[in-house]
Amino acid sequence: MKTIIIFVPDIPVLMLLILFGICNKLQLIFCFPAQCLALSKKISPIKGIEARKASWEVLQAVGGGAFADVALERTFNLYSFTSMDKALITELSYGAIRQRYFLDCWIDSLGKVSAKKQPPLLRWLLHLGLYQILKMERIPPSAAINTTVELAKTHRLKKLAPVVNGILRTALRSKEKGLLLPKSNNPSLELAKNESLPLWLADELIAWKGVEAANRIAQAFNSISPIDIRVNKLRANLKEVKEIFDSSGIQNQVIPNCPYGLEVRAGVGEPRKWPGYEEGLWSVQDRSSQLIAPSLGPLPGEKILDACAAPGGKSTHIAELINNEGKVWSVDRSSRRSKKILANSERLGTKCLQILVADSNELLLKNPDWKGYFDRILIDAPCSGLGTLARHPDARWRMNEDNIHELVTVQSHLLNSLAPLLKSGGTLVYSTCTIYPEENFNQIKNFLQLNSDFLLEHEKQIWPGEEDNGDGFYVAVLNKLEN
């Protein structure tokens, strides 16, 4: 009998080769790639279970402290999935992470053991199943229950599979009967539970905006954001890019009040594979964020500082607005993140960027000749990111009021360290992607009290769900008085 060694890329190919060997009386020795072995050990033939297992792994990783986008990308790199599978995995992962508190409340209501006392492996698996039953209309309940129970049976939860089955079927019966979670007389608790928010954030939203508006904002946090792009005016115009997308079957529409913006609905595919990306015709940037660079009022020939620049969206936008005529210093303290500025700049052709790895608080100390040097300064400050919870599903569970107070100190230090670098008559723009007043209105109010040579031209808070569904952003435009 003849022996042949064969490298096997995946399980279906293995099945065909086994049949071929039997039919031809060959002795076949199979070699598997490591990730094929990892995937094949525990995967059941039930349809769709691979995608759900991958989503469960993302939930476990995020529960252990990983960032959601990093965990998702790692999973996509580890396994080979179709575009349709990737879309399902993203929806299951991000959706269950967003709805963590809501799903915990259901576990508390249906189970004998509270959600936080469940073994993490079981808690995240129940989240996966409950999210499909309670929040996804397009997935048949039987598929949600069967795949979740099968994962329990084949992945270290075999003894608890009946528990999983029981909780999911009880949840389904409750949904079919129109039964809801027990109600509370506390508006903050109701908002936190129904819209899956930390209780402290629900308290604050109601205090800032009232119950009705707080509910609208919370619902915006849980919406699936479209993908906004900014056309690179150095290489194309809005009409040209729209026609390219239209001819490629990518559904899009012009964003109102956003001169270079197009909206593409989520789930169309990976933006880096869309036409025009590699050629630098456009970049991904939320519509609210696209308002920041124009607020600076940059002009050709000016010296402009972007003090917290990575990954480079606003620096490159400034360069586009001044037609590459002038100098834009893009500063970030992280060398790794600064590489992203460089990559984006090279792709977009923004040649006027000067990339500097440095702590912006120390710029004047290390460059004394920069005192009064810049025509315009942008401080897109590190912040709590509470305006972008729709795009970052895990952010609501990472942030707390103690973290925010620390950030307020960081922001204040940046403002006061960078103010001397602005020339008399120059413009400073302070922006954040948060809605927390201490980081925004109150931060600027305190700065102006300490710096009488600055005047506030205008400030604006964009709330999630407003401005045609953009992220929550704040921008303040300050002018430095002439000597």
Protein backbone atom coordinates (compact mmCIF):
# COMPACT_ATOMS: atom_id res chain seq x y z
CA MET A 1 0.00 0.00 0.00
CA LYS A 2 1.38 3.41 -1.00
CA THR A 3 1.79 6.08 1.72
CA ILE A 4 1.15 9.78 1.03
CA ILE A 5 1.54 12.71 3.45
CA ILE A 6 -1.05 15.47 2.89
CA PHE A 7 -1.48 18.92 4.49
CA VAL A 8 -5.17 19.39 5.31
CA PRO A 9 -6.47 22.99 5.37
CA ASP A 10 -9.88 22.24 6.90
CA ILE A 11 -12.30 19.52 7.99
CA PRO A 12 -14.42 19.25 4.77
CA VAL A 13 -11.27 18.62 2.75
CA LEU A 14 -10.28 15.94 5.27
CA MET A 15 -13.56 14.08 4.70
CA LEU A 16 -13.05 14.06 0.93
CA LEU A 17 -9.45 12.87 1.28
CA ILE A 18 -10.47 10.00 3.58
CA LEU A 19 -12.98 8.79 0.97
CA PHE A 20 -10.37 9.18 -1.77
CA GLY A 21 -7.87 7.10 0.22
CA ILE A 22 -10.34 4.31 0.91
CA CYS A 23 -11.42 4.12 -2.73
CA ASN A 24 -7.83 4.03 -4.00
CA LYS A 25 -6.37 1.81 -1.25
CA LEU A 26 -3.91 4.49 -0.15
CA GLN A 27 -2.44 5.04 3.30
CA LEU A 28 -2.81 8.77 3.93
CA ILE A 29 -1.05 10.70 6.72
CA PHE A 30 -2.75 14.00 7.46
CA CYS A 31 -1.06 17.16 8.77
CA PHE A 32 -3.26 19.87 10.28
CA PRO A 33 -2.59 23.58 10.90
CA ALA A 34 -2.76 24.39 14.61
CA GLN A 35 -5.86 26.55 14.38
CA CYS A 36 -7.70 23.90 12.36
CA LEU A 37 -7.02 21.42 15.17
CA ALA A 38 -8.16 23.94 17.78
CA LEU A 39 -11.41 24.52 15.97
CA SER A 40 -12.05 20.87 15.17
CA LYS A 41 -11.68 19.54 18.70
CA LYS A 42 -14.94 20.85 20.09
CA ILE A 43 -17.14 22.01 17.25
CA SER A 44 -20.46 20.27 16.73
CA PRO A 45 -21.97 19.79 13.26
CA ILE A 46 -25.02 21.89 14.30
CA LYS A 47 -25.45 24.76 11.82
CA GLY A 48 -24.23 28.12 13.06
CA ILE A 49 -22.57 26.80 16.19
CA GLU A 50 -19.06 27.84 15.09
CA ALA A 51 -20.10 31.50 14.93
CA ARG A 52 -21.78 31.28 18.31
CA LYS A 53 -18.76 29.62 19.86
CA ALA A 54 -16.58 32.42 18.53
CA SER A 55 -18.97 35.00 20.01
CA TRP A 56 -18.87 33.21 23.35
CA GLU A 57 -15.08 33.40 23.28
CA VAL A 58 -15.29 37.16 22.69
CA LEU A 59 -17.65 37.53 25.67
CA GLN A 60 -15.25 35.56 27.85
CA ALA A 61 -12.29 37.67 26.75
CA VAL A 62 -14.12 40.96 27.40
CA GLY A 63 -15.35 39.63 30.74
CA GLY A 64 -11.70 39.00 31.57
CA GLY A 65 -10.69 42.59 30.75
CA ALA A 66 -10.00 42.59 26.99
CA PHE A 67 -11.31 45.40 24.80
CA ALA A 68 -14.24 44.27 22.65
CA ASP A 69 -12.78 45.36 19.31
CA VAL A 70 -9.43 43.73 20.09
CA ALA A 71 -11.06 40.47 21.19
CA LEU A 72 -13.23 40.40 18.07
CA GLU A 73 -10.30 41.04 15.74
CA ARG A 74 -8.27 38.32 17.47
CA THR A 75 -11.10 35.85 16.91
CA PHE A 76 -11.37 36.75 13.23
CA ASN A 77 -7.62 36.28 12.84
CA LEU A 78 -7.70 32.89 14.59
CA TYR A 79 -10.52 31.31 12.61
CA SER A 80 -11.66 31.49 9.01
CA PHE A 81 -15.20 32.85 8.70
CA THR A 82 -17.33 34.11 5.84
CA SER A 83 -18.46 37.73 5.75
CA MET A 84 -21.94 36.59 6.80
CA ASP A 85 -20.52 34.71 9.79
CA LYS A 86 -18.42 37.72 10.78
CA ALA A 87 -21.51 39.92 10.74
CA LEU A 88 -23.36 37.45 12.98
CA ILE A 89 -20.42 37.13 15.37
CA THR A 90 -20.13 40.92 15.62
CA GLU A 91 -23.83 41.34 16.32
CA LEU A 92 -23.92 38.55 18.92
CA SER A 93 -20.75 39.73 20.67
CA TYR A 94 -21.36 43.47 20.68
CA GLY A 95 -25.07 43.06 21.37
CA ALA A 96 -24.59 40.79 24.38
CA ILE A 97 -21.87 43.08 25.75
CA ARG A 98 -24.10 46.15 25.40
CA GLN A 99 -27.00 44.36 27.05
CA ARG A 100 -24.96 42.89 29.92
CA TYR A 101 -26.99 44.41 32.77
CA PHE A 102 -30.34 43.76 31.04
CA LEU A 103 -29.38 40.11 30.53
CA ASP A 104 -28.12 39.81 34.10
CA CYS A 105 -31.52 41.04 35.29
CA TRP A 106 -33.18 38.25 33.33
CA ILE A 107 -30.85 35.66 34.84
CA ASP A 108 -31.60 37.06 38.31
CA SER A 109 -35.33 36.82 37.56
CA LEU A 110 -35.31 33.30 36.09
CA GLY A 111 -32.46 31.48 37.81
CA LYS A 112 -31.92 30.20 41.33
CA VAL A 113 -28.46 31.80 41.44
CA SER A 114 -27.91 35.49 40.64
CA ALA A 115 -25.98 36.37 37.50
CA LYS A 116 -22.89 37.71 39.28
CA LYS A 117 -22.63 34.54 41.38
CA GLN A 118 -22.76 32.28 38.32
CA PRO A 119 -19.47 30.83 37.04
CA PRO A 120 -18.28 33.33 34.37
CA LEU A 121 -18.28 30.65 31.68
CA LEU A 122 -21.96 29.94 32.36
CA ARG A 123 -22.91 33.60 32.79
CA TRP A 124 -21.52 34.59 29.36
CA LEU A 125 -23.09 31.54 27.69
CA LEU A 126 -26.49 32.45 29.14
CA HIS A 127 -25.97 36.00 27.85
CA LEU A 128 -25.32 34.61 24.38
CA GLY A 129 -28.52 32.57 24.39
CA LEU A 130 -30.73 35.16 26.08
CA TYR A 131 -29.60 37.91 23.74
CA GLN A 132 -30.72 35.89 20.72
CA ILE A 133 -34.11 35.08 22.29
CA LEU A 134 -34.89 38.52 23.72
CA LYS A 135 -33.22 40.90 21.27
CA MET A 136 -32.82 39.23 17.86
CA GLU A 137 -36.01 38.74 15.87
CA ARG A 138 -34.37 37.15 12.85
CA ILE A 139 -32.93 34.15 14.73
CA PRO A 140 -35.43 31.31 15.39
CA PRO A 141 -35.67 30.65 19.15
CA SER A 142 -35.11 26.94 18.56
CA ALA A 143 -31.75 27.68 16.91
CA ALA A 144 -30.74 29.98 19.77
CA ILE A 145 -31.64 27.39 22.42
CA ASN A 146 -30.25 24.32 20.65
CA THR A 147 -26.88 25.86 19.82
CA THR A 148 -26.44 27.33 23.31
CA VAL A 149 -27.28 24.03 25.01
CA GLU A 150 -24.96 22.16 22.63
CA LEU A 151 -22.10 24.54 23.50
CA ALA A 152 -22.72 23.86 27.17
CA LYS A 153 -22.62 20.09 26.58
CA THR A 154 -19.37 20.17 24.60
CA HIS A 155 -17.44 22.88 26.47
CA ARG A 156 -16.95 22.11 30.14
CA LEU A 157 -20.56 22.81 31.15
CA LYS A 158 -22.12 19.41 30.41
CA LYS A 159 -23.59 19.03 33.91
CA LEU A 160 -25.12 22.50 33.68
CA ALA A 161 -26.66 22.00 30.22
CA PRO A 162 -30.13 21.32 31.77
CA VAL A 163 -29.85 24.63 33.66
CA VAL A 164 -29.04 26.45 30.42
CA ASN A 165 -31.94 24.74 28.66
CA GLY A 166 -34.36 25.55 31.48
CA ILE A 167 -33.48 29.25 31.76
CA LEU A 168 -33.60 29.82 28.00
CA ARG A 169 -36.94 28.04 27.54
CA THR A 170 -38.46 29.92 30.48
CA ALA A 171 -37.23 33.19 28.95
CA LEU A 172 -38.82 32.25 25.64
CA ARG A 173 -42.17 31.46 27.31
CA SER A 174 -42.00 34.80 29.16
CA LYS A 175 -41.36 36.63 25.90
CA GLU A 176 -44.21 34.84 24.11
CA LYS A 177 -46.58 35.78 26.97
CA GLY A 178 -45.41 39.39 26.90
CA LEU A 179 -43.99 39.18 30.41
CA LEU A 180 -41.36 41.78 31.33
CA LEU A 181 -38.84 42.18 34.10
CA PRO A 182 -40.31 43.24 37.47
CA LYS A 183 -40.89 47.00 37.59
CA SER A 184 -39.40 49.45 40.06
CA ASN A 185 -40.60 52.88 41.20
CA ASN A 186 -37.04 54.18 40.79
CA PRO A 187 -36.70 55.89 37.34
CA SER A 188 -32.92 55.46 37.34
CA LEU A 189 -33.17 51.75 38.08
CA GLU A 190 -35.77 51.30 35.35
CA LEU A 191 -33.58 53.14 32.84
CA ALA A 192 -30.47 51.18 33.85
CA LYS A 193 -32.29 47.85 33.65
CA ASN A 194 -34.23 48.36 30.41
CA GLU A 195 -31.44 50.09 28.48
CA SER A 196 -28.56 48.20 30.12
CA LEU A 197 -26.62 51.06 31.71
CA PRO A 198 -24.58 51.35 34.90
CA LEU A 199 -26.86 52.80 37.58
CA TRP A 200 -24.58 55.80 38.15
CA LEU A 201 -24.85 56.75 34.47
CA ALA A 202 -28.63 56.36 34.46
CA ASP A 203 -28.76 58.66 37.52
CA GLU A 204 -26.65 61.27 35.75
CA LEU A 205 -28.58 61.16 32.46
CA ILE A 206 -31.85 61.82 34.24
CA ALA A 207 -30.27 64.62 36.28
CA TRP A 208 -28.88 66.26 33.12
CA LYS A 209 -31.76 65.80 30.69
CA GLY A 210 -34.88 64.52 32.46
CA VAL A 211 -36.46 61.06 32.17
CA GLU A 212 -37.82 61.33 28.61
CA ALA A 213 -34.63 62.70 27.00
CA ALA A 214 -32.50 60.32 29.08
CA ASN A 215 -34.40 57.39 27.58
CA ARG A 216 -33.81 58.69 24.04
CA ILE A 217 -30.08 59.04 24.69
CA ALA A 218 -29.89 55.58 26.24
CA GLN A 219 -31.66 54.08 23.23
CA ALA A 220 -29.12 55.79 20.98
CA PHE A 221 -26.36 54.12 23.04
CA ASN A 222 -27.87 50.76 22.10
CA SER A 223 -28.41 51.44 18.41
CA ILE A 224 -26.15 50.00 15.73
CA SER A 225 -24.28 52.97 14.31
CA PRO A 226 -23.85 53.41 10.56
CA ILE A 227 -20.36 53.77 9.16
CA ASP A 228 -19.56 57.39 8.38
CA ILE A 229 -16.81 58.29 5.95
CA ARG A 230 -15.04 61.57 5.23
CA VAL A 231 -14.11 62.20 1.62
CA ASN A 232 -10.49 63.34 1.18
CA LYS A 233 -10.83 66.64 -0.71
CA LEU A 234 -7.17 66.40 -1.76
CA ARG A 235 -7.98 63.42 -3.99
CA ALA A 236 -11.72 63.35 -4.69
CA ASN A 237 -15.01 65.08 -4.12
CA LEU A 238 -18.23 63.88 -2.51
CA LYS A 239 -19.99 63.25 -5.80
CA GLU A 240 -17.15 61.12 -7.20
CA VAL A 241 -16.94 58.86 -4.13
CA LYS A 242 -20.71 58.52 -3.98
CA GLU A 243 -20.77 57.40 -7.61
CA ILE A 244 -17.98 54.88 -6.94
CA PHE A 245 -19.96 53.41 -4.03
CA ASP A 246 -23.21 53.41 -6.01
CA SER A 247 -21.59 51.55 -8.90
CA SER A 248 -20.15 48.99 -6.46
CA GLY A 249 -23.51 48.30 -4.84
CA ILE A 250 -22.58 49.95 -1.53
CA GLN A 251 -25.72 51.69 -0.30
CA ASN A 252 -24.89 55.19 0.92
CA GLN A 253 -26.32 58.63 1.44
CA VAL A 254 -25.03 62.14 1.97
CA ILE A 255 -24.85 63.24 5.61
CA PRO A 256 -26.73 66.54 6.13
CA ASN A 257 -24.60 69.48 7.32
CA CYS A 258 -21.44 67.46 6.75
CA PRO A 259 -19.79 68.74 3.55
CA TYR A 260 -17.49 65.75 3.03
CA GLY A 261 -19.56 63.04 4.74
CA LEU A 262 -21.25 59.89 3.45
CA GLU A 263 -23.19 57.37 5.54
CA VAL A 264 -23.01 53.64 4.82
CA ARG A 265 -25.29 51.33 6.77
CA ALA A 266 -23.62 48.87 9.12
CA GLY A 267 -23.09 45.28 7.97
CA VAL A 268 -22.07 46.05 4.38
CA GLY A 269 -18.61 44.56 4.89
CA GLU A 270 -15.14 45.63 5.93
CA PRO A 271 -14.49 49.29 5.01
CA ARG A 272 -10.85 48.60 4.14
CA LYS A 273 -12.08 46.44 1.27
CA TRP A 274 -14.36 49.13 -0.18
CA PRO A 275 -13.27 50.89 -3.37
CA GLY A 276 -11.18 53.99 -2.86
CA TYR A 277 -9.83 53.11 0.58
CA GLU A 278 -6.37 52.00 -0.50
CA GLU A 279 -6.19 54.95 -2.89
CA GLY A 280 -6.83 57.36 -0.01
CA LEU A 281 -10.04 58.79 -1.43
CA TRP A 282 -11.74 58.68 1.97
CA SER A 283 -11.37 57.66 5.61
CA VAL A 284 -13.75 56.45 8.32
CA GLN A 285 -14.80 59.21 10.73
CA ASP A 286 -18.02 59.77 12.66
CA ARG A 287 -20.09 62.72 11.48
CA SER A 288 -19.83 64.50 14.85
CA SER A 289 -16.07 64.13 14.79
CA GLN A 290 -16.02 65.63 11.29
CA LEU A 291 -17.22 68.92 12.79
CA ILE A 292 -14.14 69.39 14.98
CA ALA A 293 -11.36 70.28 12.48
CA PRO A 294 -13.50 72.90 10.66
CA SER A 295 -14.24 74.52 14.05
CA LEU A 296 -10.53 75.31 14.24
CA GLY A 297 -10.87 77.52 11.13
CA PRO A 298 -7.49 76.40 9.70
CA LEU A 299 -5.99 78.40 6.84
CA PRO A 300 -3.25 77.54 4.30
CA GLY A 301 0.24 78.49 5.44
CA GLU A 302 -0.52 78.33 9.17
CA LYS A 303 1.33 76.46 11.93
CA ILE A 304 -1.15 74.18 13.66
CA LEU A 305 -0.74 71.82 16.63
CA ASP A 306 -2.88 68.72 17.14
CA ALA A 307 -1.87 67.87 20.70
CA CYS A 308 -3.58 64.46 21.15
CA ALA A 309 -3.47 63.29 17.57
CA ALA A 310 -3.61 59.48 17.31
CA PRO A 311 -4.90 57.77 15.25
CA GLY A 312 -4.76 60.84 13.02
CA GLY A 313 -8.34 61.45 11.89
CA LYS A 314 -8.41 65.10 12.86
CA SER A 315 -4.80 65.84 11.87
CA THR A 316 -5.38 64.53 8.37
CA HIS A 317 -8.68 66.41 8.18
CA ILE A 318 -6.88 69.66 9.06
CA ALA A 319 -4.28 68.93 6.38
CA GLU A 320 -7.04 68.35 3.83
CA LEU A 321 -8.75 71.63 4.78
CA ILE A 322 -5.54 73.65 4.26
CA ASN A 323 -4.74 71.80 1.01
CA ASN A 324 -1.43 70.55 2.42
CA GLU A 325 -0.21 74.14 2.59
CA GLY A 326 1.24 74.85 6.02
CA LYS A 327 2.47 72.63 8.85
CA VAL A 328 0.46 70.42 11.16
CA TRP A 329 2.31 69.00 14.17
CA SER A 330 0.62 65.73 15.15
CA VAL A 331 1.69 64.87 18.69
CA ASP A 332 0.95 61.72 20.66
CA ARG A 333 2.77 60.17 23.59
CA SER A 334 2.39 56.61 22.24
CA SER A 335 4.86 55.49 19.59
CA ARG A 336 2.57 52.59 18.65
CA ARG A 337 -0.41 54.88 18.11
CA SER A 338 1.77 57.42 16.30
CA LYS A 339 2.49 54.76 13.69
CA LYS A 340 -1.23 54.80 12.90
CA ILE A 341 -1.02 58.54 12.26
CA LEU A 342 1.81 57.91 9.82
CA ALA A 343 -0.03 55.09 8.05
CA ASN A 344 -3.19 57.17 7.67
CA SER A 345 -1.22 60.21 6.50
CA GLU A 346 0.66 58.23 3.86
CA ARG A 347 -2.54 56.65 2.55
CA LEU A 348 -4.36 59.99 2.36
CA GLY A 349 -1.40 61.96 0.99
CA THR A 350 -1.35 64.58 3.76
CA LYS A 351 2.28 65.59 3.35
CA CYS A 352 2.22 68.59 5.67
CA LEU A 353 2.03 66.49 8.85
CA GLN A 354 4.97 66.56 11.26
CA ILE A 355 4.56 63.53 13.55
CA LEU A 356 6.07 63.85 17.01
CA VAL A 357 6.07 61.24 19.78
CA ALA A 358 5.96 63.29 22.98
CA ASP A 359 3.96 64.20 26.06
CA SER A 360 2.06 67.35 25.08
CA ASN A 361 2.28 68.62 28.65
CA GLU A 362 6.06 68.91 28.21
CA LEU A 363 6.18 70.56 24.79
CA LEU A 364 6.99 74.04 26.09
CA LEU A 365 9.58 72.69 28.53
CA LYS A 366 11.41 70.83 25.75
CA ASN A 367 10.79 73.47 23.06
CA PRO A 368 10.98 76.93 24.71
CA ASP A 369 10.92 78.61 21.30
CA TRP A 370 7.38 77.27 20.81
CA LYS A 371 5.95 79.84 23.22
CA GLY A 372 3.40 81.83 21.22
CA TYR A 373 4.40 79.86 18.11
CA PHE A 374 1.19 78.24 16.83
CA ASP A 375 -1.65 79.92 14.97
CA ARG A 376 -4.12 77.27 16.06
CA ILE A 377 -4.13 74.44 18.59
CA LEU A 378 -6.49 71.49 18.77
CA ILE A 379 -6.82 69.60 22.06
CA ASP A 380 -8.97 66.56 21.37
CA ALA A 381 -8.58 65.53 24.98
CA PRO A 382 -8.52 62.05 26.54
CA CYS A 383 -11.99 61.58 27.98
CA SER A 384 -14.54 59.11 29.31
CA GLY A 385 -15.90 58.44 25.80
CA LEU A 386 -19.49 58.43 27.07
CA GLY A 387 -20.66 59.93 23.79
CA THR A 388 -19.49 56.90 21.80
CA LEU A 389 -21.10 54.01 23.69
CA ALA A 390 -22.94 52.86 20.56
CA ARG A 391 -19.59 52.21 18.84
CA HIS A 392 -17.78 50.86 21.91
CA PRO A 393 -20.13 48.40 23.62
CA ASP A 394 -17.79 47.60 26.52
CA ALA A 395 -16.97 51.24 27.40
CA ARG A 396 -20.00 51.66 29.68
CA TRP A 397 -18.74 48.83 31.90
CA ARG A 398 -15.17 50.16 32.08
CA MET A 399 -15.87 53.74 33.08
CA ASN A 400 -16.88 55.02 36.51
CA GLU A 401 -17.02 58.37 38.27
CA ASP A 402 -13.60 57.93 39.90
CA ASN A 403 -12.03 57.37 36.47
CA ILE A 404 -13.77 60.48 35.17
CA HIS A 405 -12.45 62.66 38.00
CA GLU A 406 -8.93 61.51 37.12
CA LEU A 407 -9.53 62.39 33.48
CA VAL A 408 -10.79 65.86 34.42
CA THR A 409 -7.40 66.50 36.04
CA VAL A 410 -5.56 65.25 32.94
CA GLN A 411 -7.65 67.51 30.68
CA SER A 412 -7.08 70.56 32.89
CA HIS A 413 -3.33 69.96 32.86
CA LEU A 414 -3.31 69.74 29.06
CA LEU A 415 -5.27 72.99 28.64
CA ASN A 416 -3.01 74.94 30.97
CA SER A 417 0.21 73.42 29.60
CA LEU A 418 -0.64 74.12 25.96
CA ALA A 419 -2.24 77.57 26.25
CA PRO A 420 1.17 79.38 26.27
CA LEU A 421 2.06 77.79 22.90
CA LEU A 422 -0.73 79.70 21.15
CA LYS A 423 0.13 83.07 19.64
CA SER A 424 -1.87 86.18 20.50
CA GLY A 425 -4.95 86.32 18.30
CA GLY A 426 -4.80 82.56 17.77
CA THR A 427 -7.57 79.97 18.17
CA LEU A 428 -7.68 77.00 20.54
CA VAL A 429 -10.30 74.28 20.11
CA TYR A 430 -11.00 71.89 22.98
CA SER A 431 -13.05 68.82 22.11
CA THR A 432 -14.11 65.53 23.68
CA CYS A 433 -16.30 62.59 22.72
CA THR A 434 -18.15 62.63 26.03
CA ILE A 435 -21.33 64.10 27.47
CA TYR A 436 -20.12 64.45 31.06
CA PRO A 437 -20.36 68.16 32.06
CA GLU A 438 -17.26 68.17 34.29
CA GLU A 439 -15.18 67.22 31.24
CA ASN A 440 -16.86 69.79 29.01
CA PHE A 441 -18.68 72.98 30.03
CA ASN A 442 -17.28 73.01 33.56
CA GLN A 443 -13.75 72.25 32.34
CA ILE A 444 -13.80 75.27 30.02
CA LYS A 445 -15.45 77.47 32.64
CA ASN A 446 -12.63 76.68 35.09
CA PHE A 447 -9.96 77.26 32.41
CA LEU A 448 -11.36 80.69 31.54
CA GLN A 449 -11.40 81.71 35.20
CA LEU A 450 -7.66 81.00 35.38
CA ASN A 451 -6.75 82.41 31.94
CA SER A 452 -8.11 85.92 31.47
CA ASP A 453 -6.33 86.27 28.11
CA PHE A 454 -8.78 83.79 26.52
CA LEU A 455 -12.35 84.41 25.41
CA LEU A 456 -14.98 81.81 24.59
CA GLU A 457 -16.25 82.24 21.01
CA HIS A 458 -18.75 79.42 21.23
CA GLU A 459 -19.29 75.94 22.67
CA LYS A 460 -21.62 73.11 21.75
CA GLN A 461 -22.65 69.78 23.23
CA ILE A 462 -23.87 67.18 20.75
CA TRP A 463 -25.94 64.47 22.41
CA PRO A 464 -26.14 60.89 21.08
CA GLY A 465 -29.19 60.54 18.88
CA GLU A 466 -29.11 64.21 17.90
CA GLU A 467 -27.38 65.74 14.86
CA ASP A 468 -28.73 63.02 12.56
CA ASN A 469 -27.58 60.18 14.83
CA GLY A 470 -23.92 61.09 15.30
CA ASP A 471 -21.88 60.30 18.40
CA GLY A 472 -21.97 62.53 21.45
CA PHE A 473 -19.31 65.25 21.19
CA TYR A 474 -18.39 68.54 22.81
CA VAL A 475 -16.47 71.39 21.20
CA ALA A 476 -15.37 74.77 22.57
CA VAL A 477 -13.70 77.44 20.42
CA LEU A 478 -11.48 79.84 22.40
CA ASN A 479 -9.67 82.90 21.09
CA LYS A 480 -6.50 84.29 22.67
CA LEU A 481 -6.60 88.07 23.02
CA GLU A 482 -4.13 90.25 21.14
CA ASN A 483 -1.39 91.76 23.31
